[in-house]
């Protein structure tokens, strides 16, 4: 569980860096990832968790519509 969460955090950091640098990016886990061991040599216990696509776009990024944090967080 912790290793999967660490991968997700690393991907989020790459996504944030790409956004800052004006590089479009997207993480996807298509159904074919379950067959990655047929294409790559994976060690025992390893598996592909997805693909991180990166590239430049001619389109301007959409402006984010942010709502207040208090609409999303419940303080206990």
Protein backbone atom coordinates (compact mmCIF):
# COMPACT_ATOMS: atom_id res chain seq x y z
CA UNK A 1 0.00 0.00 0.00
CA UNK A 2 2.71 2.48 0.95
CA UNK A 3 4.68 1.86 -2.24
CA UNK A 4 1.57 2.44 -4.38
CA UNK A 5 0.84 5.65 -2.47
CA UNK A 6 4.48 6.74 -2.97
CA UNK A 7 4.12 6.22 -6.73
CA UNK A 8 0.93 8.30 -6.75
CA UNK A 9 2.69 11.11 -4.84
CA UNK A 10 5.66 11.00 -7.24
CA UNK A 11 3.29 11.23 -10.21
CA UNK A 12 1.51 14.18 -8.61
CA UNK A 13 4.87 15.93 -8.14
CA UNK A 14 5.75 15.30 -11.80
CA UNK A 15 2.32 16.62 -12.81
CA UNK A 16 2.83 19.80 -10.78
CA UNK A 17 6.30 20.31 -12.27
CA UNK A 18 4.95 19.82 -15.79
CA UNK A 19 2.18 22.33 -15.15
CA UNK A 20 4.70 24.87 -13.87
CA UNK A 21 6.86 24.35 -16.97
CA UNK A 22 3.95 24.62 -19.42
CA UNK A 23 4.06 20.93 -20.35
CA UNK A 24 0.76 19.13 -20.71
CA UNK A 25 0.59 15.86 -18.80
CA UNK A 26 -1.82 13.10 -17.90
CA UNK A 27 -1.60 9.86 -15.89
CA UNK A 28 -3.71 7.00 -17.15
CA UNK A 29 -4.06 3.33 -16.28
CA UNK A 30 -5.55 1.72 -19.40
CA UNK A 31 -6.63 -1.90 -19.30
CA UNK A 32 -3.56 -3.06 -21.20
CA UNK A 33 -1.26 -2.36 -18.23
CA UNK A 34 -2.09 -5.82 -16.91
CA UNK A 35 -0.09 -7.19 -19.88
CA UNK A 36 3.02 -5.06 -19.36
CA UNK A 37 4.99 -8.06 -18.10
CA UNK A 38 4.72 -9.44 -21.66
CA UNK A 39 6.51 -6.36 -23.04
CA UNK A 40 8.91 -5.46 -20.23
CA UNK A 41 11.03 -7.50 -17.86
CA UNK A 42 9.46 -6.85 -14.47
CA UNK A 43 10.95 -8.25 -11.29
CA UNK A 44 8.89 -10.42 -9.01
CA UNK A 45 6.31 -8.31 -7.18
CA UNK A 46 6.53 -5.42 -9.66
CA UNK A 47 3.64 -4.23 -11.81
CA UNK A 48 2.84 -1.31 -14.06
CA UNK A 49 0.57 1.25 -12.40
CA UNK A 50 -0.04 3.36 -15.48
CA UNK A 51 1.46 5.65 -18.09
CA UNK A 52 2.39 9.28 -17.58
CA UNK A 53 1.94 11.13 -20.86
CA UNK A 54 3.74 14.44 -21.41
CA UNK A 55 3.82 16.90 -24.27
CA UNK A 56 3.33 20.43 -25.51
CA UNK A 57 0.00 21.77 -26.74
CA UNK A 58 -0.94 24.68 -28.99
CA UNK A 59 -3.97 25.40 -26.78
CA UNK A 60 -3.92 27.63 -23.74
CA UNK A 61 -4.66 25.83 -20.46
CA UNK A 62 -8.15 26.33 -19.05
CA UNK A 63 -8.49 28.66 -16.09
CA UNK A 64 -9.19 26.64 -12.94
CA UNK A 65 -12.39 27.42 -11.06
CA UNK A 66 -11.46 27.17 -7.39
CA UNK A 67 -13.95 26.91 -4.57
CA UNK A 68 -13.14 27.83 -0.97
CA UNK A 69 -11.26 25.14 0.97
CA UNK A 70 -13.96 25.18 3.64
CA UNK A 71 -16.39 23.77 1.05
CA UNK A 72 -14.22 20.65 0.86
CA UNK A 73 -12.85 20.15 4.37
CA UNK A 74 -14.70 19.15 7.51
CA UNK A 75 -12.73 20.03 10.63
CA UNK A 76 -13.25 17.61 13.51
